[in-house]
Amino acid sequence: MLNIVLFGPPGAGKGTQSAKLIEKYGLAHLSTGDIFRANIKGNTELGKLAKSYMDAGNLVPDEVTIQILESEVNKNPNATGFIFDGFPRTTPQAEALHTFLKERNTTIHQMLALNVAQEELVKRLLLRGEQSDRPDDKDESIISNRIQVYNDQTAVVADFYSAQEKFSSINGVGNVDEIFARLCQVIDSLSSNA
């Protein structure tokens, strides 16, 4: 089993790269953002709760996020591994994920962090906002708040995986295939070192 955390600020390209990694490595994709958006679209109780936080550019509380993620993992009992996209976002979430996976005799093998400068992130998100129906990508002040929340609350999760020697910083600037090649190089080195 191969479990990867794909990490980076909003607009870093996690969704784009996840799709390519899933295809190449046969992993199940768990995107908390996609899960929340599906619940919002379905107007579920969880969706309404998540929307109230997301509309303000804030993180959904840990306990809600963890419950959803565990439920999604349990829906994929035959998966050969997972890409966690947008999770964990806090150290308590990382600790909860570690405990949850340990109970299933597995672990996170590597955190791959896409690094992109803030100006580029804002540009990418505004473009995505023009092309999609995501209101959180159309307002530069909300985008800036999301990036600030990431820097203040989420970036520290890298320390959790760095302490376990499971952290790789990846240059997230370039074309999609160049960035993908950088990610694959790290993943392929994991299997050769196993």
N, C-alpha and C. Protein backbone atom coordinates (compact mmCIF):
# COMPACT_ATOMS: atom_id res chain seq x y z
N MET A 1 0.84 -1.18 0.00
CA MET A 1 0.00 0.00 0.00
C MET A 1 0.88 1.24 0.00
N LEU A 2 0.46 2.24 -0.79
CA LEU A 2 1.19 3.49 -0.89
C LEU A 2 0.24 4.62 -0.52
N ASN A 3 0.58 5.37 0.53
CA ASN A 3 -0.25 6.49 0.98
C ASN A 3 0.56 7.77 0.91
N ILE A 4 0.05 8.72 0.13
CA ILE A 4 0.73 9.98 -0.11
C ILE A 4 -0.15 11.13 0.35
N VAL A 5 0.46 12.12 1.00
CA VAL A 5 -0.23 13.39 1.26
C VAL A 5 0.28 14.36 0.21
N LEU A 6 -0.64 14.86 -0.63
CA LEU A 6 -0.28 15.89 -1.60
C LEU A 6 -0.66 17.23 -0.96
N PHE A 7 0.34 18.07 -0.80
CA PHE A 7 0.24 19.23 0.07
C PHE A 7 0.58 20.49 -0.70
N GLY A 8 0.01 21.59 -0.28
CA GLY A 8 0.34 22.87 -0.88
C GLY A 8 -0.81 23.82 -0.70
N PRO A 9 -0.55 25.10 -0.88
CA PRO A 9 -1.59 26.11 -0.69
C PRO A 9 -2.65 26.03 -1.78
N PRO A 10 -3.79 26.71 -1.58
CA PRO A 10 -4.81 26.76 -2.61
C PRO A 10 -4.21 27.26 -3.92
N GLY A 11 -4.48 26.56 -5.01
CA GLY A 11 -3.98 26.96 -6.32
C GLY A 11 -2.63 26.38 -6.68
N ALA A 12 -2.07 25.52 -5.82
CA ALA A 12 -0.74 24.95 -6.09
C ALA A 12 -0.77 23.88 -7.18
N GLY A 13 -1.96 23.36 -7.49
CA GLY A 13 -2.06 22.34 -8.54
C GLY A 13 -2.30 20.94 -8.00
N LYS A 14 -2.74 20.83 -6.76
CA LYS A 14 -2.95 19.52 -6.14
C LYS A 14 -3.96 18.67 -6.92
N GLY A 15 -5.08 19.27 -7.30
CA GLY A 15 -6.12 18.52 -8.02
C GLY A 15 -5.63 18.00 -9.36
N THR A 16 -4.95 18.86 -10.09
CA THR A 16 -4.41 18.49 -11.41
C THR A 16 -3.41 17.35 -11.28
N GLN A 17 -2.49 17.48 -10.33
CA GLN A 17 -1.46 16.45 -10.16
C GLN A 17 -2.03 15.17 -9.57
N SER A 18 -3.01 15.29 -8.68
CA SER A 18 -3.65 14.09 -8.12
C SER A 18 -4.20 13.20 -9.22
N ALA A 19 -4.89 13.82 -10.19
CA ALA A 19 -5.51 13.04 -11.27
C ALA A 19 -4.45 12.23 -12.02
N LYS A 20 -3.30 12.84 -12.27
CA LYS A 20 -2.23 12.14 -12.98
C LYS A 20 -1.60 11.04 -12.12
N LEU A 21 -1.43 11.32 -10.83
CA LEU A 21 -0.83 10.32 -9.93
C LEU A 21 -1.77 9.13 -9.73
N ILE A 22 -3.06 9.38 -9.65
CA ILE A 22 -4.06 8.31 -9.49
C ILE A 22 -3.97 7.37 -10.68
N GLU A 23 -3.91 7.96 -11.87
CA GLU A 23 -3.86 7.16 -13.09
C GLU A 23 -2.59 6.31 -13.14
N LYS A 24 -1.46 6.91 -12.79
CA LYS A 24 -0.18 6.19 -12.89
C LYS A 24 -0.02 5.12 -11.81
N TYR A 25 -0.42 5.44 -10.58
CA TYR A 25 -0.14 4.54 -9.46
C TYR A 25 -1.36 3.76 -8.96
N GLY A 26 -2.53 4.01 -9.54
CA GLY A 26 -3.74 3.28 -9.15
C GLY A 26 -4.21 3.55 -7.73
N LEU A 27 -4.04 4.77 -7.27
CA LEU A 27 -4.40 5.14 -5.90
C LEU A 27 -5.83 5.69 -5.85
N ALA A 28 -6.45 5.58 -4.69
CA ALA A 28 -7.76 6.20 -4.45
C ALA A 28 -7.52 7.65 -4.04
N HIS A 29 -8.32 8.56 -4.58
CA HIS A 29 -8.15 9.98 -4.32
C HIS A 29 -9.12 10.43 -3.25
N LEU A 30 -8.61 11.03 -2.19
CA LEU A 30 -9.45 11.59 -1.15
C LEU A 30 -9.16 13.08 -1.04
N SER A 31 -10.06 13.88 -1.61
CA SER A 31 -9.93 15.33 -1.56
C SER A 31 -11.00 15.86 -0.63
N THR A 32 -10.59 16.41 0.49
CA THR A 32 -11.58 16.95 1.42
C THR A 32 -12.38 18.06 0.75
N GLY A 33 -11.74 18.86 -0.09
CA GLY A 33 -12.45 19.92 -0.79
C GLY A 33 -13.56 19.36 -1.67
N ASP A 34 -13.23 18.31 -2.45
CA ASP A 34 -14.24 17.69 -3.32
C ASP A 34 -15.37 17.08 -2.49
N ILE A 35 -15.01 16.43 -1.39
CA ILE A 35 -16.02 15.80 -0.52
C ILE A 35 -16.94 16.87 0.05
N PHE A 36 -16.35 17.97 0.53
CA PHE A 36 -17.17 19.05 1.08
C PHE A 36 -18.07 19.65 -0.01
N ARG A 37 -17.49 19.90 -1.21
CA ARG A 37 -18.29 20.49 -2.29
C ARG A 37 -19.44 19.58 -2.70
N ALA A 38 -19.21 18.26 -2.73
CA ALA A 38 -20.29 17.31 -3.06
C ALA A 38 -21.41 17.38 -2.01
N ASN A 39 -21.02 17.51 -0.75
CA ASN A 39 -22.02 17.62 0.31
C ASN A 39 -22.76 18.95 0.25
N ILE A 40 -22.05 20.00 -0.14
CA ILE A 40 -22.69 21.31 -0.28
C ILE A 40 -23.71 21.25 -1.43
N LYS A 41 -23.28 20.67 -2.55
CA LYS A 41 -24.17 20.55 -3.71
C LYS A 41 -25.40 19.71 -3.36
N GLY A 42 -25.19 18.65 -2.56
CA GLY A 42 -26.29 17.78 -2.14
C GLY A 42 -27.12 18.38 -1.01
N ASN A 43 -26.69 19.55 -0.52
CA ASN A 43 -27.39 20.25 0.56
C ASN A 43 -27.55 19.40 1.82
N THR A 44 -26.51 18.59 2.10
CA THR A 44 -26.54 17.76 3.31
C THR A 44 -26.26 18.63 4.53
N GLU A 45 -26.51 18.09 5.71
CA GLU A 45 -26.21 18.83 6.95
C GLU A 45 -24.73 19.18 7.01
N LEU A 46 -23.89 18.18 6.66
CA LEU A 46 -22.46 18.41 6.66
C LEU A 46 -22.11 19.51 5.64
N GLY A 47 -22.75 19.45 4.49
CA GLY A 47 -22.51 20.45 3.45
C GLY A 47 -22.84 21.85 3.92
N LYS A 48 -23.96 22.00 4.61
CA LYS A 48 -24.34 23.33 5.13
C LYS A 48 -23.32 23.83 6.14
N LEU A 49 -22.88 22.91 7.02
CA LEU A 49 -21.89 23.28 8.03
C LEU A 49 -20.57 23.67 7.37
N ALA A 50 -20.10 22.83 6.45
CA ALA A 50 -18.83 23.09 5.77
C ALA A 50 -18.90 24.42 5.00
N LYS A 51 -20.03 24.67 4.34
CA LYS A 51 -20.19 25.88 3.54
C LYS A 51 -20.05 27.14 4.39
N SER A 52 -20.57 27.10 5.60
CA SER A 52 -20.49 28.28 6.46
C SER A 52 -19.04 28.66 6.75
N TYR A 53 -18.16 27.66 6.87
CA TYR A 53 -16.74 27.93 7.10
C TYR A 53 -16.05 28.31 5.79
N MET A 54 -16.31 27.54 4.73
CA MET A 54 -15.63 27.75 3.46
C MET A 54 -15.95 29.11 2.84
N ASP A 55 -17.20 29.55 2.97
CA ASP A 55 -17.59 30.84 2.39
C ASP A 55 -16.81 32.00 2.99
N ALA A 56 -16.34 31.82 4.22
CA ALA A 56 -15.54 32.86 4.87
C ALA A 56 -14.04 32.67 4.63
N GLY A 57 -13.70 31.59 3.90
CA GLY A 57 -12.29 31.30 3.62
C GLY A 57 -11.59 30.62 4.77
N ASN A 58 -12.36 30.05 5.72
CA ASN A 58 -11.78 29.38 6.89
C ASN A 58 -11.80 27.87 6.73
N LEU A 59 -11.01 27.20 7.58
CA LEU A 59 -10.97 25.73 7.57
C LEU A 59 -12.18 25.15 8.29
N VAL A 60 -12.66 24.03 7.78
CA VAL A 60 -13.71 23.28 8.47
C VAL A 60 -13.05 22.65 9.71
N PRO A 61 -13.73 22.64 10.87
CA PRO A 61 -13.12 22.11 12.09
C PRO A 61 -12.62 20.66 11.96
N ASP A 62 -11.55 20.37 12.70
CA ASP A 62 -10.90 19.06 12.63
C ASP A 62 -11.85 17.89 12.81
N GLU A 63 -12.68 17.94 13.85
CA GLU A 63 -13.51 16.77 14.15
C GLU A 63 -14.46 16.43 13.01
N VAL A 64 -14.97 17.45 12.32
CA VAL A 64 -15.88 17.22 11.18
C VAL A 64 -15.09 16.62 10.02
N THR A 65 -13.94 17.20 9.73
CA THR A 65 -13.11 16.75 8.62
C THR A 65 -12.64 15.31 8.83
N ILE A 66 -12.21 14.98 10.03
CA ILE A 66 -11.70 13.64 10.33
C ILE A 66 -12.80 12.59 10.17
N GLN A 67 -13.99 12.88 10.66
CA GLN A 67 -15.10 11.93 10.51
C GLN A 67 -15.39 11.64 9.04
N ILE A 68 -15.41 12.67 8.25
CA ILE A 68 -15.69 12.50 6.82
C ILE A 68 -14.61 11.67 6.15
N LEU A 69 -13.37 11.99 6.47
CA LEU A 69 -12.26 11.28 5.83
C LEU A 69 -12.25 9.80 6.20
N GLU A 70 -12.46 9.49 7.46
CA GLU A 70 -12.49 8.08 7.88
C GLU A 70 -13.60 7.34 7.15
N SER A 71 -14.73 7.98 7.00
CA SER A 71 -15.85 7.38 6.28
C SER A 71 -15.47 7.09 4.83
N GLU A 72 -14.77 8.02 4.19
CA GLU A 72 -14.37 7.83 2.79
C GLU A 72 -13.33 6.72 2.65
N VAL A 73 -12.37 6.65 3.58
CA VAL A 73 -11.37 5.57 3.53
C VAL A 73 -12.07 4.22 3.66
N ASN A 74 -13.02 4.14 4.58
CA ASN A 74 -13.73 2.88 4.81
C ASN A 74 -14.57 2.44 3.62
N LYS A 75 -14.91 3.38 2.74
CA LYS A 75 -15.67 3.05 1.52
C LYS A 75 -14.78 2.39 0.46
N ASN A 76 -13.46 2.40 0.69
CA ASN A 76 -12.49 1.87 -0.29
C ASN A 76 -11.62 0.77 0.33
N PRO A 77 -12.24 -0.34 0.80
CA PRO A 77 -11.47 -1.36 1.51
C PRO A 77 -10.42 -2.08 0.66
N ASN A 78 -10.57 -2.06 -0.66
CA ASN A 78 -9.64 -2.78 -1.53
C ASN A 78 -8.61 -1.87 -2.20
N ALA A 79 -8.53 -0.63 -1.75
CA ALA A 79 -7.60 0.33 -2.36
C ALA A 79 -6.15 -0.11 -2.16
N THR A 80 -5.31 0.14 -3.17
CA THR A 80 -3.89 -0.18 -3.06
C THR A 80 -3.12 0.97 -2.42
N GLY A 81 -3.83 2.04 -2.12
CA GLY A 81 -3.23 3.20 -1.47
C GLY A 81 -4.10 4.42 -1.72
N PHE A 82 -3.74 5.52 -1.07
CA PHE A 82 -4.53 6.74 -1.14
C PHE A 82 -3.65 7.95 -1.39
N ILE A 83 -4.23 8.91 -2.10
CA ILE A 83 -3.66 10.26 -2.16
C ILE A 83 -4.58 11.11 -1.31
N PHE A 84 -4.04 11.67 -0.27
CA PHE A 84 -4.79 12.59 0.59
C PHE A 84 -4.51 14.00 0.08
N ASP A 85 -5.53 14.64 -0.46
CA ASP A 85 -5.41 15.94 -1.12
C ASP A 85 -6.21 16.95 -0.27
N GLY A 86 -5.49 17.86 0.36
CA GLY A 86 -6.15 18.84 1.22
C GLY A 86 -6.34 18.36 2.64
N PHE A 87 -5.68 17.28 2.98
CA PHE A 87 -5.77 16.70 4.34
C PHE A 87 -4.48 15.94 4.59
N PRO A 88 -3.91 16.03 5.77
CA PRO A 88 -4.32 16.82 6.92
C PRO A 88 -3.93 18.29 6.77
N ARG A 89 -4.72 19.14 7.39
CA ARG A 89 -4.47 20.59 7.33
C ARG A 89 -4.02 21.15 8.67
N THR A 90 -4.05 20.33 9.70
CA THR A 90 -3.58 20.78 11.02
C THR A 90 -2.80 19.62 11.64
N THR A 91 -1.98 19.93 12.62
CA THR A 91 -1.23 18.87 13.30
C THR A 91 -2.17 17.87 13.98
N PRO A 92 -3.25 18.30 14.65
CA PRO A 92 -4.18 17.31 15.21
C PRO A 92 -4.78 16.39 14.14
N GLN A 93 -5.04 16.92 12.94
CA GLN A 93 -5.55 16.06 11.86
C GLN A 93 -4.47 15.06 11.44
N ALA A 94 -3.22 15.50 11.37
CA ALA A 94 -2.13 14.60 11.00
C ALA A 94 -1.98 13.49 12.04
N GLU A 95 -2.10 13.85 13.31
CA GLU A 95 -2.00 12.85 14.38
C GLU A 95 -3.18 11.87 14.31
N ALA A 96 -4.39 12.40 14.06
CA ALA A 96 -5.57 11.54 13.95
C ALA A 96 -5.45 10.60 12.75
N LEU A 97 -4.94 11.10 11.62
CA LEU A 97 -4.74 10.26 10.43
C LEU A 97 -3.71 9.18 10.72
N HIS A 98 -2.63 9.53 11.41
CA HIS A 98 -1.61 8.55 11.77
C HIS A 98 -2.22 7.41 12.60
N THR A 99 -3.00 7.76 13.60
CA THR A 99 -3.64 6.76 14.47
C THR A 99 -4.60 5.90 13.67
N PHE A 100 -5.42 6.53 12.84
CA PHE A 100 -6.41 5.83 12.03
C PHE A 100 -5.74 4.83 11.08
N LEU A 101 -4.67 5.25 10.40
CA LEU A 101 -3.97 4.36 9.46
C LEU A 101 -3.22 3.26 10.20
N LYS A 102 -2.66 3.59 11.35
CA LYS A 102 -1.93 2.58 12.14
C LYS A 102 -2.86 1.44 12.54
N GLU A 103 -4.12 1.77 12.86
CA GLU A 103 -5.11 0.75 13.19
C GLU A 103 -5.37 -0.18 12.00
N ARG A 104 -5.06 0.28 10.80
CA ARG A 104 -5.24 -0.51 9.58
C ARG A 104 -3.89 -1.05 9.07
N ASN A 105 -2.89 -1.02 9.93
CA ASN A 105 -1.54 -1.54 9.63
C ASN A 105 -0.90 -0.87 8.43
N THR A 106 -1.09 0.43 8.31
CA THR A 106 -0.42 1.18 7.26
C THR A 106 -0.06 2.56 7.81
N THR A 107 0.51 3.40 6.96
CA THR A 107 0.96 4.71 7.38
C THR A 107 1.00 5.66 6.19
N ILE A 108 1.28 6.92 6.42
CA ILE A 108 1.60 7.85 5.33
C ILE A 108 3.06 7.60 4.98
N HIS A 109 3.33 7.38 3.69
CA HIS A 109 4.69 7.10 3.26
C HIS A 109 5.47 8.37 2.93
N GLN A 110 4.76 9.39 2.42
CA GLN A 110 5.45 10.63 2.09
C GLN A 110 4.46 11.77 1.93
N MET A 111 4.87 12.95 2.38
CA MET A 111 4.15 14.18 2.08
C MET A 111 4.91 14.86 0.95
N LEU A 112 4.20 15.13 -0.14
CA LEU A 112 4.76 15.84 -1.28
C LEU A 112 4.16 17.24 -1.28
N ALA A 113 5.00 18.24 -1.03
CA ALA A 113 4.52 19.62 -0.90
C ALA A 113 4.86 20.42 -2.15
N LEU A 114 3.81 20.90 -2.84
CA LEU A 114 4.00 21.74 -4.02
C LEU A 114 4.23 23.19 -3.57
N ASN A 115 5.36 23.74 -3.94
CA ASN A 115 5.70 25.11 -3.56
C ASN A 115 5.51 26.06 -4.74
N VAL A 116 4.69 27.08 -4.50
CA VAL A 116 4.37 28.08 -5.52
C VAL A 116 4.29 29.44 -4.83
N ALA A 117 4.86 30.47 -5.44
CA ALA A 117 4.84 31.82 -4.87
C ALA A 117 3.41 32.35 -4.79
N GLN A 118 3.14 33.20 -3.80
CA GLN A 118 1.79 33.71 -3.56
C GLN A 118 1.21 34.44 -4.78
N GLU A 119 2.00 35.26 -5.46
CA GLU A 119 1.49 36.00 -6.62
C GLU A 119 0.97 35.04 -7.68
N GLU A 120 1.70 33.95 -7.89
CA GLU A 120 1.29 32.93 -8.88
C GLU A 120 0.02 32.23 -8.42
N LEU A 121 -0.08 31.94 -7.12
CA LEU A 121 -1.29 31.29 -6.59
C LEU A 121 -2.53 32.15 -6.84
N VAL A 122 -2.43 33.45 -6.54
CA VAL A 122 -3.56 34.35 -6.73
C VAL A 122 -3.96 34.38 -8.20
N LYS A 123 -2.97 34.48 -9.09
CA LYS A 123 -3.23 34.51 -10.52
C LYS A 123 -3.95 33.23 -10.97
N ARG A 124 -3.46 32.08 -10.51
CA ARG A 124 -4.07 30.79 -10.89
C ARG A 124 -5.50 30.69 -10.37
N LEU A 125 -5.73 31.11 -9.13
CA LEU A 125 -7.06 30.98 -8.53
C LEU A 125 -8.06 31.91 -9.19
N LEU A 126 -7.66 33.13 -9.51
CA LEU A 126 -8.57 34.05 -10.21
C LEU A 126 -8.93 33.50 -11.59
N LEU A 127 -7.96 32.90 -12.27
CA LEU A 127 -8.22 32.28 -13.57
C LEU A 127 -9.20 31.12 -13.40
N ARG A 128 -8.97 30.28 -12.38
CA ARG A 128 -9.87 29.16 -12.11
C ARG A 128 -11.27 29.68 -11.79
N GLY A 129 -11.34 30.79 -11.07
CA GLY A 129 -12.64 31.39 -10.75
C GLY A 129 -13.40 31.83 -11.99
N GLU A 130 -12.66 32.33 -13.00
CA GLU A 130 -13.30 32.71 -14.26
C GLU A 130 -13.81 31.50 -15.02
N GLN A 131 -13.09 30.37 -14.90
CA GLN A 131 -13.40 29.18 -15.68
C GLN A 131 -14.36 28.22 -14.99
N SER A 132 -14.55 28.37 -13.68
CA SER A 132 -15.40 27.44 -12.94
C SER A 132 -16.48 28.21 -12.20
N ASP A 133 -17.26 27.46 -11.45
CA ASP A 133 -18.34 28.10 -10.70
C ASP A 133 -18.00 28.10 -9.20
N ARG A 134 -16.73 28.35 -8.89
CA ARG A 134 -16.30 28.35 -7.50
C ARG A 134 -16.22 29.78 -6.98
N PRO A 135 -17.18 30.19 -6.16
CA PRO A 135 -17.19 31.58 -5.67
C PRO A 135 -15.95 31.92 -4.85
N ASP A 136 -15.35 30.91 -4.19
CA ASP A 136 -14.17 31.19 -3.36
C ASP A 136 -12.94 31.51 -4.20
N ASP A 137 -13.02 31.33 -5.53
CA ASP A 137 -11.90 31.64 -6.42
C ASP A 137 -12.12 32.93 -7.22
N LYS A 138 -13.19 33.65 -6.91
CA LYS A 138 -13.50 34.85 -7.70
C LYS A 138 -13.20 36.15 -6.96
N ASP A 139 -12.96 36.07 -5.66
CA ASP A 139 -12.76 37.26 -4.84
C ASP A 139 -11.33 37.25 -4.30
N GLU A 140 -10.55 38.24 -4.73
CA GLU A 140 -9.13 38.25 -4.36
C GLU A 140 -8.92 38.33 -2.84
N SER A 141 -9.82 39.02 -2.12
CA SER A 141 -9.66 39.11 -0.66
C SER A 141 -9.90 37.75 0.01
N ILE A 142 -10.86 36.98 -0.51
CA ILE A 142 -11.09 35.63 0.04
C ILE A 142 -9.91 34.73 -0.31
N ILE A 143 -9.40 34.85 -1.53
CA ILE A 143 -8.22 34.07 -1.94
C ILE A 143 -7.05 34.38 -1.01
N SER A 144 -6.80 35.67 -0.78
CA SER A 144 -5.69 36.06 0.09
C SER A 144 -5.88 35.53 1.50
N ASN A 145 -7.12 35.54 1.99
CA ASN A 145 -7.41 34.99 3.32
C ASN A 145 -7.14 33.49 3.34
N ARG A 146 -7.56 32.77 2.29
CA ARG A 146 -7.32 31.31 2.23
C ARG A 146 -5.83 31.01 2.28
N ILE A 147 -5.04 31.78 1.53
CA ILE A 147 -3.59 31.57 1.52
C ILE A 147 -3.00 31.89 2.89
N GLN A 148 -3.50 32.96 3.52
CA GLN A 148 -3.02 33.33 4.86
C GLN A 148 -3.36 32.25 5.88
N VAL A 149 -4.59 31.72 5.81
CA VAL A 149 -5.00 30.62 6.71
C VAL A 149 -4.09 29.41 6.50
N TYR A 150 -3.80 29.11 5.24
CA TYR A 150 -2.88 28.01 4.93
C TYR A 150 -1.51 28.26 5.58
N ASN A 151 -0.97 29.47 5.38
CA ASN A 151 0.35 29.79 5.93
C ASN A 151 0.36 29.73 7.46
N ASP A 152 -0.72 30.21 8.09
CA ASP A 152 -0.78 30.28 9.55
C ASP A 152 -1.09 28.94 10.20
N GLN A 153 -2.01 28.18 9.59
CA GLN A 153 -2.54 26.99 10.27
C GLN A 153 -2.12 25.67 9.65
N THR A 154 -1.88 25.67 8.35
CA THR A 154 -1.67 24.42 7.64
C THR A 154 -0.20 24.10 7.37
N ALA A 155 0.57 25.11 7.03
CA ALA A 155 1.97 24.88 6.66
C ALA A 155 2.74 24.16 7.77
N VAL A 156 2.31 24.33 9.03
CA VAL A 156 3.00 23.69 10.14
C VAL A 156 2.89 22.16 10.10
N VAL A 157 1.92 21.63 9.35
CA VAL A 157 1.78 20.16 9.24
C VAL A 157 3.03 19.56 8.59
N ALA A 158 3.70 20.35 7.76
CA ALA A 158 4.94 19.87 7.14
C ALA A 158 5.95 19.46 8.20
N ASP A 159 5.97 20.17 9.33
CA ASP A 159 6.90 19.84 10.42
C ASP A 159 6.62 18.45 10.98
N PHE A 160 5.35 18.07 11.04
CA PHE A 160 4.96 16.75 11.55
C PHE A 160 5.61 15.65 10.70
N TYR A 161 5.54 15.80 9.37
CA TYR A 161 6.12 14.78 8.48
C TYR A 161 7.63 14.92 8.33
N SER A 162 8.13 16.16 8.43
CA SER A 162 9.59 16.36 8.40
C SER A 162 10.25 15.62 9.56
N ALA A 163 9.62 15.68 10.73
CA ALA A 163 10.17 15.02 11.92
C ALA A 163 10.26 13.51 11.73
N GLN A 164 9.41 12.97 10.84
CA GLN A 164 9.42 11.52 10.56
C GLN A 164 10.22 11.19 9.29
N GLU A 165 10.88 12.22 8.73
CA GLU A 165 11.63 12.09 7.48
C GLU A 165 10.73 11.59 6.35
N LYS A 166 9.53 12.16 6.29
CA LYS A 166 8.54 11.79 5.27
C LYS A 166 8.07 13.04 4.53
N PHE A 167 8.94 14.01 4.34
CA PHE A 167 8.55 15.27 3.71
C PHE A 167 9.44 15.56 2.51
N SER A 168 8.82 15.87 1.36
CA SER A 168 9.56 16.28 0.17
C SER A 168 8.96 17.57 -0.38
N SER A 169 9.80 18.56 -0.57
CA SER A 169 9.37 19.82 -1.16
C SER A 169 9.55 19.71 -2.68
N ILE A 170 8.49 20.05 -3.42
CA ILE A 170 8.49 19.92 -4.87
C ILE A 170 8.24 21.30 -5.49
N ASN A 171 9.06 21.68 -6.45
CA ASN A 171 8.85 22.93 -7.17
C ASN A 171 7.54 22.80 -7.96
N GLY A 172 6.53 23.63 -7.60
CA GLY A 172 5.22 23.56 -8.23
C GLY A 172 5.03 24.54 -9.37
N VAL A 173 6.14 25.06 -9.91
CA VAL A 173 6.07 25.99 -11.03
C VAL A 173 6.65 25.30 -12.26
N GLY A 174 5.96 25.48 -13.37
CA GLY A 174 6.36 24.86 -14.63
C GLY A 174 5.11 24.28 -15.28
N ASN A 175 5.30 23.53 -16.36
CA ASN A 175 4.11 22.95 -16.96
C ASN A 175 3.70 21.70 -16.19
N VAL A 176 2.49 21.24 -16.44
CA VAL A 176 1.91 20.13 -15.68
C VAL A 176 2.80 18.90 -15.73
N ASP A 177 3.34 18.58 -16.91
CA ASP A 177 4.16 17.37 -17.05
C ASP A 177 5.50 17.48 -16.31
N GLU A 178 6.08 18.67 -16.30
CA GLU A 178 7.35 18.87 -15.57
C GLU A 178 7.13 18.65 -14.07
N ILE A 179 6.06 19.21 -13.54
CA ILE A 179 5.76 19.07 -12.11
C ILE A 179 5.45 17.61 -11.79
N PHE A 180 4.69 16.95 -12.68
CA PHE A 180 4.35 15.54 -12.51
C PHE A 180 5.62 14.68 -12.46
N ALA A 181 6.57 14.96 -13.33
CA ALA A 181 7.82 14.19 -13.36
C ALA A 181 8.56 14.34 -12.03
N ARG A 182 8.54 15.53 -11.46
CA ARG A 182 9.21 15.76 -10.16
C ARG A 182 8.54 14.91 -9.06
N LEU A 183 7.21 14.88 -9.07
CA LEU A 183 6.47 14.09 -8.08
C LEU A 183 6.77 12.60 -8.24
N CYS A 184 6.74 12.12 -9.48
CA CYS A 184 6.98 10.69 -9.75
C CYS A 184 8.38 10.27 -9.33
N GLN A 185 9.33 11.15 -9.52
CA GLN A 185 10.71 10.84 -9.14
C GLN A 185 10.79 10.51 -7.65
N VAL A 186 10.10 11.30 -6.82
CA VAL A 186 10.11 11.06 -5.38
C VAL A 186 9.35 9.77 -5.05
N ILE A 187 8.18 9.59 -5.64
CA ILE A 187 7.37 8.38 -5.36
C ILE A 187 8.13 7.13 -5.78
N ASP A 188 8.75 7.16 -6.97
CA ASP A 188 9.48 5.99 -7.44
C ASP A 188 10.68 5.68 -6.54
N SER A 189 11.28 6.71 -5.96
CA SER A 189 12.41 6.47 -5.05
C SER A 189 11.93 5.82 -3.75
N LEU A 190 10.67 6.04 -3.36
CA LEU A 190 10.13 5.41 -2.16
C LEU A 190 10.06 3.90 -2.34
N SER A 191 9.56 3.46 -3.50
CA SER A 191 9.42 2.02 -3.73
C SER A 191 10.77 1.36 -3.91
N SER A 192 11.76 2.10 -4.44
CA SER A 192 13.08 1.49 -4.60
C SER A 192 13.82 1.42 -3.27
N ASN A 193 13.41 2.26 -2.30
CA ASN A 193 14.06 2.23 -0.99
C ASN A 193 13.34 1.31 -0.01
N ALA A 194 12.16 0.81 -0.41
CA ALA A 194 11.37 -0.02 0.51
C ALA A 194 11.95 -1.40 0.68
